[in-house]
């Protein structure tokens, strides 16, 4: 429940980090984004909400917009790359380990559905889907997606993702109505982010059960 509280109220946590640790908050933000994108067993860490909240503090001058911009993009690119390499070299062994479940089968299925539909472009699209963005690099690493294609979609996705949510926070995060209903805004962002993959997953399941219906 601590993670859920952090996601829904990360604006308050970032404020506390700034007050307690000063510029070390940049390192904290870097590590959270790196772990969320780079470690397949930590998909529940905040990404969208954290960047949005960081943008709100940049909007009031407590954090540097451009430092956040380059730092978070770097964390996202490195994170996905590490995740890809883990999947490439250790993915099969990790998934076949019966002692612990590193990724829920449901989330693997959703990632597979996205990759099946969009191919290497799934690396870009997954950036905007909580949980799935952590799993897709791992899965395409196992599938030996050409590294040049992966790194191109990885970098493009990171730049667009960070730019979108950082700017949303910077320009709109401090509007009184948004600030007063931050948790609801975050829930709406998460819901809208995962809605496309849920639809794609349902369609994929339907096609497998009724292959003749779509022929």
N, C-alpha and C. Protein backbone atom coordinates (compact mmCIF):
# COMPACT_ATOMS: atom_id res chain seq x y z
N UNK A 1 0.82 -1.21 0.00
CA UNK A 1 0.00 0.00 0.00
C UNK A 1 0.86 1.26 0.00
N UNK A 2 2.12 1.13 0.47
CA UNK A 2 3.02 2.28 0.46
C UNK A 2 3.26 2.74 -0.97
N UNK A 3 3.43 1.75 -1.88
CA UNK A 3 3.68 2.08 -3.29
C UNK A 3 2.47 2.81 -3.87
N UNK A 4 1.26 2.33 -3.57
CA UNK A 4 0.04 2.96 -4.07
C UNK A 4 -0.04 4.40 -3.56
N UNK A 5 0.25 4.59 -2.29
CA UNK A 5 0.22 5.94 -1.72
C UNK A 5 1.26 6.84 -2.38
N UNK A 6 2.43 6.27 -2.67
CA UNK A 6 3.49 7.04 -3.34
C UNK A 6 3.07 7.46 -4.74
N UNK A 7 2.41 6.54 -5.46
CA UNK A 7 1.95 6.84 -6.82
C UNK A 7 0.91 7.95 -6.81
N UNK A 8 -0.07 7.82 -5.91
CA UNK A 8 -1.19 8.76 -5.88
C UNK A 8 -0.82 10.11 -5.28
N UNK A 9 0.21 10.13 -4.45
CA UNK A 9 0.59 11.38 -3.78
C UNK A 9 2.07 11.69 -3.98
N UNK A 10 2.59 11.35 -5.16
CA UNK A 10 4.03 11.55 -5.37
C UNK A 10 4.40 13.03 -5.37
N UNK A 11 3.42 13.91 -5.60
CA UNK A 11 3.72 15.34 -5.50
C UNK A 11 4.13 15.71 -4.07
N UNK A 12 3.44 15.12 -3.09
CA UNK A 12 3.78 15.38 -1.70
C UNK A 12 5.14 14.79 -1.34
N UNK A 13 5.41 13.59 -1.86
CA UNK A 13 6.69 12.95 -1.58
C UNK A 13 7.85 13.72 -2.19
N UNK A 14 7.68 14.19 -3.43
CA UNK A 14 8.75 14.96 -4.07
C UNK A 14 9.01 16.24 -3.28
N UNK A 15 7.93 16.88 -2.81
CA UNK A 15 8.08 18.08 -1.98
C UNK A 15 8.89 17.78 -0.73
N UNK A 16 8.63 16.63 -0.10
CA UNK A 16 9.39 16.24 1.09
C UNK A 16 10.85 15.97 0.75
N UNK A 17 11.06 15.31 -0.39
CA UNK A 17 12.44 15.02 -0.82
C UNK A 17 13.22 16.30 -1.05
N UNK A 18 12.57 17.28 -1.68
CA UNK A 18 13.24 18.56 -1.94
C UNK A 18 13.61 19.25 -0.62
N UNK A 19 12.67 19.25 0.31
CA UNK A 19 12.90 19.90 1.61
C UNK A 19 13.97 19.19 2.42
N UNK A 20 13.98 17.85 2.35
CA UNK A 20 14.88 17.07 3.20
C UNK A 20 16.25 16.82 2.58
N UNK A 21 16.29 16.70 1.25
CA UNK A 21 17.54 16.27 0.61
C UNK A 21 18.08 17.25 -0.44
N UNK A 22 17.35 18.31 -0.74
CA UNK A 22 17.84 19.28 -1.71
C UNK A 22 18.03 18.68 -3.09
N UNK A 23 19.20 18.90 -3.69
CA UNK A 23 19.45 18.46 -5.06
C UNK A 23 19.57 16.94 -5.21
N UNK A 24 19.66 16.23 -4.10
CA UNK A 24 19.71 14.77 -4.17
C UNK A 24 18.40 14.23 -4.75
N UNK A 25 17.34 15.06 -4.75
CA UNK A 25 16.06 14.65 -5.31
C UNK A 25 16.22 14.25 -6.78
N UNK A 26 17.16 14.87 -7.49
CA UNK A 26 17.39 14.52 -8.90
C UNK A 26 17.88 13.07 -9.01
N UNK A 27 18.76 12.68 -8.11
CA UNK A 27 19.27 11.31 -8.10
C UNK A 27 18.16 10.33 -7.76
N UNK A 28 17.30 10.71 -6.81
CA UNK A 28 16.18 9.86 -6.43
C UNK A 28 15.25 9.64 -7.62
N UNK A 29 14.91 10.70 -8.32
CA UNK A 29 14.03 10.60 -9.49
C UNK A 29 14.68 9.74 -10.58
N UNK A 30 15.96 9.94 -10.80
CA UNK A 30 16.70 9.15 -11.79
C UNK A 30 16.60 7.66 -11.46
N UNK A 31 16.85 7.32 -10.20
CA UNK A 31 16.87 5.91 -9.78
C UNK A 31 15.49 5.27 -9.88
N UNK A 32 14.44 6.03 -9.52
CA UNK A 32 13.09 5.47 -9.59
C UNK A 32 12.72 5.17 -11.04
N UNK A 33 12.98 6.11 -11.95
CA UNK A 33 12.65 5.89 -13.36
C UNK A 33 13.52 4.78 -13.94
N UNK A 34 14.79 4.74 -13.57
CA UNK A 34 15.68 3.67 -14.06
C UNK A 34 15.17 2.30 -13.60
N UNK A 35 14.82 2.18 -12.34
CA UNK A 35 14.34 0.89 -11.80
C UNK A 35 13.00 0.50 -12.41
N UNK A 36 12.11 1.48 -12.60
CA UNK A 36 10.78 1.19 -13.16
C UNK A 36 10.88 0.70 -14.59
N UNK A 37 11.82 1.21 -15.35
CA UNK A 37 11.96 0.81 -16.75
C UNK A 37 12.98 -0.31 -16.93
N UNK A 38 13.93 -0.44 -16.00
CA UNK A 38 15.03 -1.38 -16.20
C UNK A 38 14.94 -2.69 -15.48
N UNK A 39 14.14 -2.78 -14.43
CA UNK A 39 14.05 -4.01 -13.65
C UNK A 39 12.67 -4.61 -13.80
N UNK A 40 12.59 -5.73 -14.50
CA UNK A 40 11.31 -6.29 -14.89
C UNK A 40 10.43 -6.66 -13.71
N UNK A 41 11.02 -6.88 -12.53
CA UNK A 41 10.24 -7.24 -11.36
C UNK A 41 9.75 -6.02 -10.57
N UNK A 42 10.01 -4.81 -11.09
CA UNK A 42 9.54 -3.59 -10.41
C UNK A 42 8.65 -2.73 -11.31
N UNK A 43 7.68 -3.34 -11.99
CA UNK A 43 6.84 -2.55 -12.91
C UNK A 43 5.85 -1.65 -12.21
N UNK A 44 5.68 -1.87 -10.90
CA UNK A 44 4.67 -1.12 -10.15
C UNK A 44 5.18 0.25 -9.68
N UNK A 45 6.46 0.53 -9.88
CA UNK A 45 6.97 1.85 -9.49
C UNK A 45 6.34 2.92 -10.37
N UNK A 46 6.18 4.13 -9.83
CA UNK A 46 5.52 5.20 -10.61
C UNK A 46 6.42 5.71 -11.73
N UNK A 47 5.83 5.98 -12.87
CA UNK A 47 6.56 6.56 -13.99
C UNK A 47 5.87 7.82 -14.44
N UNK A 48 4.69 7.67 -15.07
CA UNK A 48 3.92 8.82 -15.56
C UNK A 48 3.67 9.83 -14.45
N UNK A 49 3.16 9.34 -13.32
CA UNK A 49 2.78 10.25 -12.23
C UNK A 49 4.00 10.97 -11.66
N UNK A 50 5.13 10.26 -11.58
CA UNK A 50 6.34 10.87 -11.02
C UNK A 50 6.86 11.98 -11.93
N UNK A 51 6.87 11.73 -13.25
CA UNK A 51 7.34 12.75 -14.19
C UNK A 51 6.39 13.95 -14.19
N UNK A 52 5.09 13.67 -14.17
CA UNK A 52 4.09 14.74 -14.11
C UNK A 52 4.29 15.60 -12.87
N UNK A 53 4.48 14.94 -11.72
CA UNK A 53 4.67 15.67 -10.47
C UNK A 53 5.97 16.47 -10.48
N UNK A 54 7.03 15.88 -11.03
CA UNK A 54 8.30 16.60 -11.13
C UNK A 54 8.14 17.85 -11.98
N UNK A 55 7.34 17.72 -13.04
CA UNK A 55 7.07 18.87 -13.90
C UNK A 55 6.38 20.00 -13.17
N UNK A 56 5.50 19.65 -12.22
CA UNK A 56 4.79 20.70 -11.46
C UNK A 56 5.76 21.49 -10.60
N UNK A 57 6.77 20.80 -10.05
CA UNK A 57 7.76 21.52 -9.23
C UNK A 57 8.71 22.33 -10.10
N UNK A 58 8.94 21.87 -11.33
CA UNK A 58 9.72 22.69 -12.27
C UNK A 58 8.94 23.94 -12.63
N UNK A 59 7.61 23.80 -12.70
CA UNK A 59 6.75 24.93 -13.05
C UNK A 59 6.78 26.06 -12.03
N UNK A 60 7.05 25.72 -10.77
CA UNK A 60 7.10 26.77 -9.74
C UNK A 60 8.55 27.11 -9.37
N UNK A 61 9.50 26.58 -10.15
CA UNK A 61 10.90 26.96 -9.99
C UNK A 61 11.67 26.21 -8.92
N UNK A 62 11.09 25.17 -8.33
CA UNK A 62 11.80 24.42 -7.30
C UNK A 62 12.73 23.37 -7.88
N UNK A 63 12.49 22.99 -9.14
CA UNK A 63 13.36 22.05 -9.84
C UNK A 63 13.67 22.62 -11.23
N UNK A 64 14.78 22.22 -11.78
CA UNK A 64 15.18 22.68 -13.12
C UNK A 64 14.50 21.82 -14.19
N UNK A 65 13.73 22.45 -15.06
CA UNK A 65 13.03 21.72 -16.12
C UNK A 65 14.01 20.98 -17.01
N UNK A 66 15.06 21.66 -17.47
CA UNK A 66 15.97 21.05 -18.44
C UNK A 66 16.83 19.97 -17.82
N UNK A 67 17.20 20.14 -16.56
CA UNK A 67 17.95 19.07 -15.89
C UNK A 67 17.08 17.83 -15.74
N UNK A 68 15.82 18.04 -15.34
CA UNK A 68 14.88 16.92 -15.27
C UNK A 68 14.71 16.26 -16.63
N UNK A 69 14.55 17.07 -17.66
CA UNK A 69 14.33 16.59 -19.01
C UNK A 69 15.43 15.63 -19.45
N UNK A 70 16.66 16.06 -19.36
CA UNK A 70 17.77 15.23 -19.83
C UNK A 70 18.05 14.06 -18.88
N UNK A 71 17.89 14.29 -17.59
CA UNK A 71 18.17 13.25 -16.60
C UNK A 71 17.17 12.09 -16.71
N UNK A 72 15.88 12.42 -16.82
CA UNK A 72 14.86 11.37 -16.87
C UNK A 72 14.90 10.63 -18.20
N UNK A 73 15.14 11.35 -19.29
CA UNK A 73 15.29 10.67 -20.59
C UNK A 73 16.45 9.68 -20.54
N UNK A 74 17.56 10.10 -19.97
CA UNK A 74 18.72 9.22 -19.84
C UNK A 74 18.40 7.99 -19.01
N UNK A 75 17.70 8.19 -17.89
CA UNK A 75 17.31 7.07 -17.03
C UNK A 75 16.41 6.10 -17.77
N UNK A 76 15.46 6.65 -18.55
CA UNK A 76 14.51 5.80 -19.28
C UNK A 76 15.20 4.99 -20.38
N UNK A 77 16.12 5.61 -21.11
CA UNK A 77 16.83 4.91 -22.17
C UNK A 77 17.73 3.82 -21.61
N UNK A 78 18.50 4.16 -20.58
CA UNK A 78 19.40 3.18 -19.97
C UNK A 78 18.60 2.05 -19.34
N UNK A 79 17.49 2.40 -18.68
CA UNK A 79 16.65 1.39 -18.05
C UNK A 79 16.13 0.37 -19.04
N UNK A 80 15.55 0.84 -20.14
CA UNK A 80 15.04 -0.07 -21.16
C UNK A 80 16.15 -0.93 -21.76
N UNK A 81 17.32 -0.33 -21.95
CA UNK A 81 18.44 -1.06 -22.53
C UNK A 81 18.90 -2.19 -21.61
N UNK A 82 19.00 -1.90 -20.32
CA UNK A 82 19.37 -2.93 -19.34
C UNK A 82 18.32 -4.04 -19.33
N UNK A 83 17.06 -3.64 -19.39
CA UNK A 83 15.95 -4.60 -19.40
C UNK A 83 16.04 -5.52 -20.62
N UNK A 84 16.33 -4.92 -21.77
CA UNK A 84 16.50 -5.68 -23.02
C UNK A 84 17.62 -6.71 -22.88
N UNK A 85 18.74 -6.30 -22.30
CA UNK A 85 19.89 -7.20 -22.14
C UNK A 85 19.59 -8.32 -21.14
N UNK A 86 18.84 -7.99 -20.09
CA UNK A 86 18.45 -9.03 -19.13
C UNK A 86 17.57 -10.07 -19.82
N UNK A 87 16.60 -9.60 -20.61
CA UNK A 87 15.75 -10.51 -21.35
C UNK A 87 16.53 -11.35 -22.34
N UNK A 88 17.48 -10.73 -23.02
CA UNK A 88 18.27 -11.41 -24.04
C UNK A 88 19.12 -12.53 -23.45
N UNK A 89 19.76 -12.26 -22.32
CA UNK A 89 20.72 -13.22 -21.75
C UNK A 89 20.14 -14.13 -20.67
N UNK A 90 19.12 -13.65 -19.96
CA UNK A 90 18.62 -14.44 -18.82
C UNK A 90 17.11 -14.66 -18.84
N UNK A 91 16.41 -14.12 -19.85
CA UNK A 91 14.95 -14.15 -19.86
C UNK A 91 14.34 -15.52 -19.72
N UNK A 92 14.78 -16.46 -20.53
CA UNK A 92 14.20 -17.81 -20.50
C UNK A 92 14.42 -18.48 -19.15
N UNK A 93 15.63 -18.35 -18.61
CA UNK A 93 15.92 -18.96 -17.32
C UNK A 93 15.06 -18.37 -16.21
N UNK A 94 14.89 -17.06 -16.25
CA UNK A 94 14.10 -16.40 -15.21
C UNK A 94 12.63 -16.81 -15.28
N UNK A 95 12.09 -16.90 -16.49
CA UNK A 95 10.68 -17.26 -16.64
C UNK A 95 10.43 -18.73 -16.33
N UNK A 96 11.43 -19.57 -16.55
CA UNK A 96 11.27 -21.01 -16.30
C UNK A 96 11.56 -21.40 -14.87
N UNK A 97 12.02 -20.43 -14.06
CA UNK A 97 12.30 -20.71 -12.66
C UNK A 97 10.99 -20.90 -11.90
N UNK A 98 10.81 -22.08 -11.32
CA UNK A 98 9.55 -22.42 -10.64
C UNK A 98 9.50 -21.91 -9.19
N UNK A 99 10.65 -21.44 -8.68
CA UNK A 99 10.69 -21.02 -7.28
C UNK A 99 10.05 -19.66 -7.06
N UNK A 100 10.07 -18.83 -8.08
CA UNK A 100 9.44 -17.52 -7.94
C UNK A 100 8.95 -17.05 -9.30
N UNK A 101 7.93 -16.19 -9.25
CA UNK A 101 7.35 -15.65 -10.48
C UNK A 101 7.86 -14.23 -10.67
N UNK A 102 8.67 -14.04 -11.70
CA UNK A 102 9.26 -12.72 -11.92
C UNK A 102 8.29 -11.78 -12.63
N UNK A 103 7.41 -12.35 -13.47
CA UNK A 103 6.42 -11.56 -14.21
C UNK A 103 5.11 -12.33 -14.22
N UNK A 104 4.01 -11.66 -13.94
CA UNK A 104 2.71 -12.31 -13.99
C UNK A 104 2.38 -12.70 -15.43
N UNK A 105 1.80 -13.88 -15.59
CA UNK A 105 1.46 -14.36 -16.93
C UNK A 105 0.52 -13.41 -17.65
N UNK A 106 -0.40 -12.82 -16.90
CA UNK A 106 -1.36 -11.87 -17.49
C UNK A 106 -0.63 -10.70 -18.14
N UNK A 107 0.39 -10.17 -17.45
CA UNK A 107 1.14 -9.05 -18.00
C UNK A 107 2.01 -9.47 -19.18
N UNK A 108 2.53 -10.69 -19.13
CA UNK A 108 3.28 -11.21 -20.26
C UNK A 108 2.39 -11.33 -21.49
N UNK A 109 1.17 -11.80 -21.27
CA UNK A 109 0.21 -11.95 -22.38
C UNK A 109 -0.11 -10.59 -23.00
N UNK A 110 -0.27 -9.58 -22.16
CA UNK A 110 -0.57 -8.24 -22.67
C UNK A 110 0.60 -7.69 -23.48
N UNK A 111 1.81 -7.93 -22.98
CA UNK A 111 3.00 -7.48 -23.72
C UNK A 111 3.10 -8.21 -25.05
N UNK A 112 2.85 -9.51 -25.02
CA UNK A 112 2.88 -10.31 -26.25
C UNK A 112 1.86 -9.81 -27.27
N UNK A 113 0.66 -9.44 -26.78
CA UNK A 113 -0.39 -8.95 -27.67
C UNK A 113 0.02 -7.65 -28.33
N UNK A 114 0.69 -6.78 -27.57
CA UNK A 114 1.14 -5.50 -28.11
C UNK A 114 2.23 -5.73 -29.16
N UNK A 115 3.16 -6.63 -28.86
CA UNK A 115 4.26 -6.91 -29.79
C UNK A 115 3.74 -7.58 -31.06
N UNK A 116 2.78 -8.50 -30.88
CA UNK A 116 2.20 -9.20 -32.04
C UNK A 116 1.52 -8.23 -32.99
N UNK A 117 0.91 -7.18 -32.43
CA UNK A 117 0.18 -6.24 -33.26
C UNK A 117 1.07 -5.17 -33.88
N UNK A 118 2.07 -4.69 -33.14
CA UNK A 118 2.85 -3.54 -33.61
C UNK A 118 4.32 -3.86 -33.88
N UNK A 119 4.77 -5.07 -33.61
CA UNK A 119 6.16 -5.42 -33.86
C UNK A 119 7.12 -4.60 -33.04
N UNK A 120 8.21 -4.16 -33.66
CA UNK A 120 9.21 -3.38 -32.93
C UNK A 120 8.66 -2.04 -32.46
N UNK A 121 7.58 -1.56 -33.10
CA UNK A 121 6.95 -0.32 -32.67
C UNK A 121 6.35 -0.43 -31.27
N UNK A 122 6.16 -1.65 -30.78
CA UNK A 122 5.63 -1.86 -29.43
C UNK A 122 6.56 -1.26 -28.37
N UNK A 123 7.86 -1.21 -28.68
CA UNK A 123 8.83 -0.62 -27.74
C UNK A 123 8.50 0.85 -27.51
N UNK A 124 8.11 1.54 -28.58
CA UNK A 124 7.71 2.95 -28.48
C UNK A 124 6.37 3.08 -27.76
N UNK A 125 5.37 2.32 -28.20
CA UNK A 125 4.02 2.45 -27.64
C UNK A 125 3.98 2.06 -26.16
N UNK A 126 4.79 1.08 -25.78
CA UNK A 126 4.77 0.60 -24.40
C UNK A 126 5.19 1.69 -23.41
N UNK A 127 5.94 2.66 -23.88
CA UNK A 127 6.37 3.75 -23.00
C UNK A 127 5.18 4.42 -22.30
N UNK A 128 4.04 4.42 -22.94
CA UNK A 128 2.88 5.15 -22.42
C UNK A 128 1.91 4.23 -21.67
N UNK A 129 2.37 3.01 -21.36
CA UNK A 129 1.50 2.04 -20.70
C UNK A 129 2.17 1.52 -19.43
N UNK A 130 1.69 1.96 -18.26
CA UNK A 130 2.28 1.48 -17.00
C UNK A 130 2.32 -0.04 -16.94
N UNK A 131 3.34 -0.56 -16.31
CA UNK A 131 3.60 -1.99 -16.15
C UNK A 131 4.08 -2.61 -17.47
N UNK A 132 3.30 -2.43 -18.54
CA UNK A 132 3.66 -3.02 -19.82
C UNK A 132 4.98 -2.45 -20.33
N UNK A 133 5.26 -1.17 -20.06
CA UNK A 133 6.50 -0.57 -20.55
C UNK A 133 7.73 -1.23 -19.91
N UNK A 134 7.55 -1.84 -18.72
CA UNK A 134 8.66 -2.51 -18.07
C UNK A 134 8.86 -3.92 -18.63
N UNK A 135 7.80 -4.51 -19.14
CA UNK A 135 7.86 -5.90 -19.59
C UNK A 135 8.25 -6.03 -21.06
N UNK A 136 7.81 -5.11 -21.90
CA UNK A 136 8.07 -5.20 -23.34
C UNK A 136 9.57 -5.27 -23.68
N UNK A 137 10.44 -4.42 -23.12
CA UNK A 137 11.87 -4.55 -23.45
C UNK A 137 12.43 -5.91 -23.07
N UNK A 138 11.98 -6.45 -21.96
CA UNK A 138 12.40 -7.76 -21.50
C UNK A 138 11.98 -8.84 -22.50
N UNK A 139 10.73 -8.76 -22.98
CA UNK A 139 10.20 -9.75 -23.91
C UNK A 139 10.87 -9.65 -25.28
N UNK A 140 11.05 -8.43 -25.80
CA UNK A 140 11.69 -8.29 -27.12
C UNK A 140 13.16 -8.67 -27.04
N UNK A 141 13.76 -8.54 -25.86
CA UNK A 141 15.13 -9.01 -25.67
C UNK A 141 15.20 -10.52 -25.82
N UNK A 142 14.23 -11.22 -25.26
CA UNK A 142 14.17 -12.68 -25.42
C UNK A 142 13.93 -13.06 -26.87
N UNK A 143 13.15 -12.23 -27.57
CA UNK A 143 12.84 -12.51 -28.97
C UNK A 143 13.93 -12.08 -29.92
N UNK A 144 15.04 -11.56 -29.35
CA UNK A 144 16.18 -11.13 -30.16
C UNK A 144 15.81 -10.09 -31.20
N UNK A 145 14.97 -9.12 -30.82
CA UNK A 145 14.70 -8.00 -31.72
C UNK A 145 16.02 -7.33 -32.05
N UNK A 146 16.22 -7.01 -33.33
CA UNK A 146 17.44 -6.35 -33.76
C UNK A 146 17.74 -5.15 -32.87
N UNK A 147 18.97 -5.07 -32.35
CA UNK A 147 19.31 -4.05 -31.36
C UNK A 147 19.18 -2.63 -31.93
N UNK A 148 19.52 -2.45 -33.20
CA UNK A 148 19.42 -1.12 -33.80
C UNK A 148 17.97 -0.63 -33.83
N UNK A 149 17.05 -1.54 -34.15
CA UNK A 149 15.64 -1.18 -34.14
C UNK A 149 15.18 -0.88 -32.71
N UNK A 150 15.63 -1.74 -31.79
CA UNK A 150 15.23 -1.55 -30.39
C UNK A 150 15.69 -0.21 -29.85
N UNK A 151 16.97 0.11 -30.04
CA UNK A 151 17.50 1.34 -29.45
C UNK A 151 16.87 2.57 -30.07
N UNK A 152 16.50 2.49 -31.35
CA UNK A 152 15.85 3.64 -32.02
C UNK A 152 14.48 3.89 -31.41
N UNK A 153 13.65 2.83 -31.29
CA UNK A 153 12.32 2.99 -30.70
C UNK A 153 12.42 3.29 -29.20
N UNK A 154 13.42 2.75 -28.55
CA UNK A 154 13.66 3.01 -27.13
C UNK A 154 13.91 4.50 -26.90
N UNK A 155 14.85 5.07 -27.66
CA UNK A 155 15.20 6.48 -27.49
C UNK A 155 14.05 7.40 -27.89
N UNK A 156 13.39 7.09 -29.01
CA UNK A 156 12.26 7.91 -29.46
C UNK A 156 11.14 7.90 -28.42
N UNK A 157 10.83 6.71 -27.93
CA UNK A 157 9.77 6.59 -26.92
C UNK A 157 10.10 7.35 -25.66
N UNK A 158 11.37 7.28 -25.23
CA UNK A 158 11.78 7.97 -24.00
C UNK A 158 11.63 9.48 -24.15
N UNK A 159 12.07 10.01 -25.29
CA UNK A 159 12.01 11.46 -25.52
C UNK A 159 10.56 11.95 -25.54
N UNK A 160 9.69 11.24 -26.28
CA UNK A 160 8.29 11.67 -26.39
C UNK A 160 7.58 11.51 -25.04
N UNK A 161 7.80 10.39 -24.38
CA UNK A 161 7.17 10.10 -23.09
C UNK A 161 7.52 11.16 -22.05
N UNK A 162 8.80 11.41 -21.88
CA UNK A 162 9.24 12.37 -20.87
C UNK A 162 8.78 13.78 -21.22
N UNK A 163 8.91 14.15 -22.50
CA UNK A 163 8.47 15.48 -22.93
C UNK A 163 6.99 15.69 -22.64
N UNK A 164 6.18 14.69 -22.96
CA UNK A 164 4.73 14.80 -22.77
C UNK A 164 4.36 15.03 -21.31
N UNK A 165 4.80 14.14 -20.43
CA UNK A 165 4.36 14.22 -19.04
C UNK A 165 5.07 15.33 -18.26
N UNK A 166 6.31 15.63 -18.63
CA UNK A 166 7.00 16.73 -17.96
C UNK A 166 6.34 18.06 -18.32
N UNK A 167 5.99 18.23 -19.58
CA UNK A 167 5.34 19.47 -20.01
C UNK A 167 3.92 19.59 -19.45
N UNK A 168 3.21 18.46 -19.39
CA UNK A 168 1.87 18.48 -18.79
C UNK A 168 1.94 18.96 -17.35
N UNK A 169 2.89 18.43 -16.60
CA UNK A 169 3.07 18.87 -15.22
C UNK A 169 3.51 20.31 -15.12
N UNK A 170 4.43 20.71 -16.00
CA UNK A 170 4.99 22.07 -15.98
C UNK A 170 3.92 23.12 -16.25
N UNK A 171 3.07 22.86 -17.23
CA UNK A 171 2.09 23.87 -17.65
C UNK A 171 0.74 23.77 -16.93
N UNK A 172 0.38 22.54 -16.49
CA UNK A 172 -0.96 22.37 -15.93
C UNK A 172 -0.98 21.87 -14.48
N UNK A 173 0.15 21.35 -13.99
CA UNK A 173 0.16 20.74 -12.68
C UNK A 173 -0.16 21.66 -11.53
N UNK A 174 0.10 22.95 -11.71
CA UNK A 174 -0.13 23.90 -10.62
C UNK A 174 -1.43 24.70 -10.75
N UNK A 175 -2.24 24.33 -11.74
CA UNK A 175 -3.58 24.91 -11.81
C UNK A 175 -4.34 24.42 -10.58
N UNK A 176 -4.99 25.32 -9.83
CA UNK A 176 -5.63 24.93 -8.57
C UNK A 176 -6.51 23.69 -8.67
N UNK A 177 -7.32 23.58 -9.71
CA UNK A 177 -8.21 22.42 -9.83
C UNK A 177 -7.43 21.12 -9.98
N UNK A 178 -6.33 21.16 -10.72
CA UNK A 178 -5.49 19.98 -10.91
C UNK A 178 -4.75 19.65 -9.62
N UNK A 179 -4.19 20.68 -8.98
CA UNK A 179 -3.44 20.47 -7.74
C UNK A 179 -4.32 19.91 -6.63
N UNK A 180 -5.56 20.38 -6.57
CA UNK A 180 -6.49 19.94 -5.52
C UNK A 180 -7.01 18.53 -5.75
N UNK A 181 -6.93 18.05 -6.99
CA UNK A 181 -7.43 16.71 -7.31
C UNK A 181 -6.32 15.87 -7.96
N UNK A 182 -5.12 15.99 -7.42
CA UNK A 182 -3.95 15.33 -8.01
C UNK A 182 -4.15 13.82 -8.11
N UNK A 183 -4.66 13.21 -7.06
CA UNK A 183 -4.83 11.75 -7.06
C UNK A 183 -5.78 11.29 -8.16
N UNK A 184 -6.87 12.04 -8.34
CA UNK A 184 -7.83 11.68 -9.39
C UNK A 184 -7.22 11.84 -10.78
N UNK A 185 -6.41 12.88 -10.94
CA UNK A 185 -5.73 13.10 -12.22
C UNK A 185 -4.80 11.92 -12.52
N UNK A 186 -4.06 11.47 -11.51
CA UNK A 186 -3.13 10.36 -11.69
C UNK A 186 -3.88 9.08 -12.05
N UNK A 187 -4.99 8.83 -11.36
CA UNK A 187 -5.80 7.64 -11.66
C UNK A 187 -6.29 7.70 -13.10
N UNK A 188 -6.73 8.88 -13.54
CA UNK A 188 -7.21 9.05 -14.92
C UNK A 188 -6.08 8.81 -15.92
N UNK A 189 -4.88 9.30 -15.61
CA UNK A 189 -3.72 9.10 -16.50
C UNK A 189 -3.39 7.63 -16.62
N UNK A 190 -3.37 6.94 -15.48
CA UNK A 190 -3.06 5.50 -15.49
C UNK A 190 -4.11 4.72 -16.27
N UNK A 191 -5.38 5.06 -16.04
CA UNK A 191 -6.47 4.34 -16.72
C UNK A 191 -6.39 4.54 -18.24
N UNK A 192 -6.22 5.79 -18.65
CA UNK A 192 -6.15 6.07 -20.09
C UNK A 192 -4.91 5.44 -20.71
N UNK A 193 -3.85 5.30 -19.93
CA UNK A 193 -2.61 4.71 -20.44
C UNK A 193 -2.75 3.21 -20.70
N UNK A 194 -3.46 2.52 -19.80
CA UNK A 194 -3.55 1.07 -19.94
C UNK A 194 -4.76 0.63 -20.77
N UNK A 195 -5.69 1.56 -21.05
CA UNK A 195 -6.90 1.20 -21.79
C UNK A 195 -6.59 0.58 -23.16
N UNK A 196 -5.69 1.16 -23.97
CA UNK A 196 -5.42 0.56 -25.29
C UNK A 196 -4.91 -0.88 -25.21
N UNK A 197 -4.02 -1.17 -24.25
CA UNK A 197 -3.47 -2.52 -24.17
C UNK A 197 -4.52 -3.50 -23.66
N UNK A 198 -5.44 -3.04 -22.81
CA UNK A 198 -6.53 -3.91 -22.36
C UNK A 198 -7.42 -4.28 -23.53
N UNK A 199 -7.73 -3.29 -24.37
CA UNK A 199 -8.56 -3.53 -25.56
C UNK A 199 -7.85 -4.49 -26.51
N UNK A 200 -6.54 -4.25 -26.74
CA UNK A 200 -5.77 -5.12 -27.63
C UNK A 200 -5.70 -6.54 -27.08
N UNK A 201 -5.55 -6.66 -25.77
CA UNK A 201 -5.48 -7.97 -25.11
C UNK A 201 -6.79 -8.73 -25.27
N UNK A 202 -7.90 -8.03 -25.06
CA UNK A 202 -9.22 -8.66 -25.19
C UNK A 202 -9.46 -9.10 -26.63
N UNK A 203 -9.10 -8.24 -27.60
CA UNK A 203 -9.26 -8.59 -29.01
C UNK A 203 -8.42 -9.80 -29.38
N UNK A 204 -7.18 -9.83 -28.85
CA UNK A 204 -6.29 -10.95 -29.14
C UNK A 204 -6.85 -12.26 -28.60
N UNK A 205 -7.40 -12.20 -27.39
CA UNK A 205 -8.02 -13.39 -26.78
C UNK A 205 -9.22 -13.84 -27.61
N UNK A 206 -10.00 -12.86 -28.06
CA UNK A 206 -11.20 -13.17 -28.85
C UNK A 206 -10.82 -13.84 -30.17
N UNK A 207 -9.75 -13.34 -30.81
CA UNK A 207 -9.31 -13.90 -32.09
C UNK A 207 -8.80 -15.33 -31.91
N UNK A 208 -8.15 -15.60 -30.79
CA UNK A 208 -7.64 -16.96 -30.54
C UNK A 208 -8.78 -17.94 -30.31
N UNK A 209 -9.85 -17.45 -29.65
CA UNK A 209 -10.99 -18.34 -29.37
C UNK A 209 -11.89 -18.49 -30.59
N UNK A 210 -11.98 -17.43 -31.39
CA UNK A 210 -12.86 -17.46 -32.57
C UNK A 210 -12.11 -17.03 -33.82
N UNK A 211 -11.16 -17.84 -34.28
CA UNK A 211 -10.35 -17.45 -35.44
C UNK A 211 -11.15 -17.26 -36.71
N UNK A 212 -12.26 -17.99 -36.87
CA UNK A 212 -13.06 -17.89 -38.07
C UNK A 212 -13.87 -16.57 -38.11
N UNK A 213 -14.13 -16.01 -36.93
CA UNK A 213 -14.95 -14.80 -36.87
C UNK A 213 -14.26 -13.60 -37.49
N UNK A 214 -12.90 -13.66 -37.56
CA UNK A 214 -12.16 -12.52 -38.08
C UNK A 214 -11.57 -12.81 -39.45
N UNK A 215 -11.90 -13.95 -40.02
CA UNK A 215 -11.35 -14.31 -41.32
C UNK A 215 -12.28 -13.85 -42.42
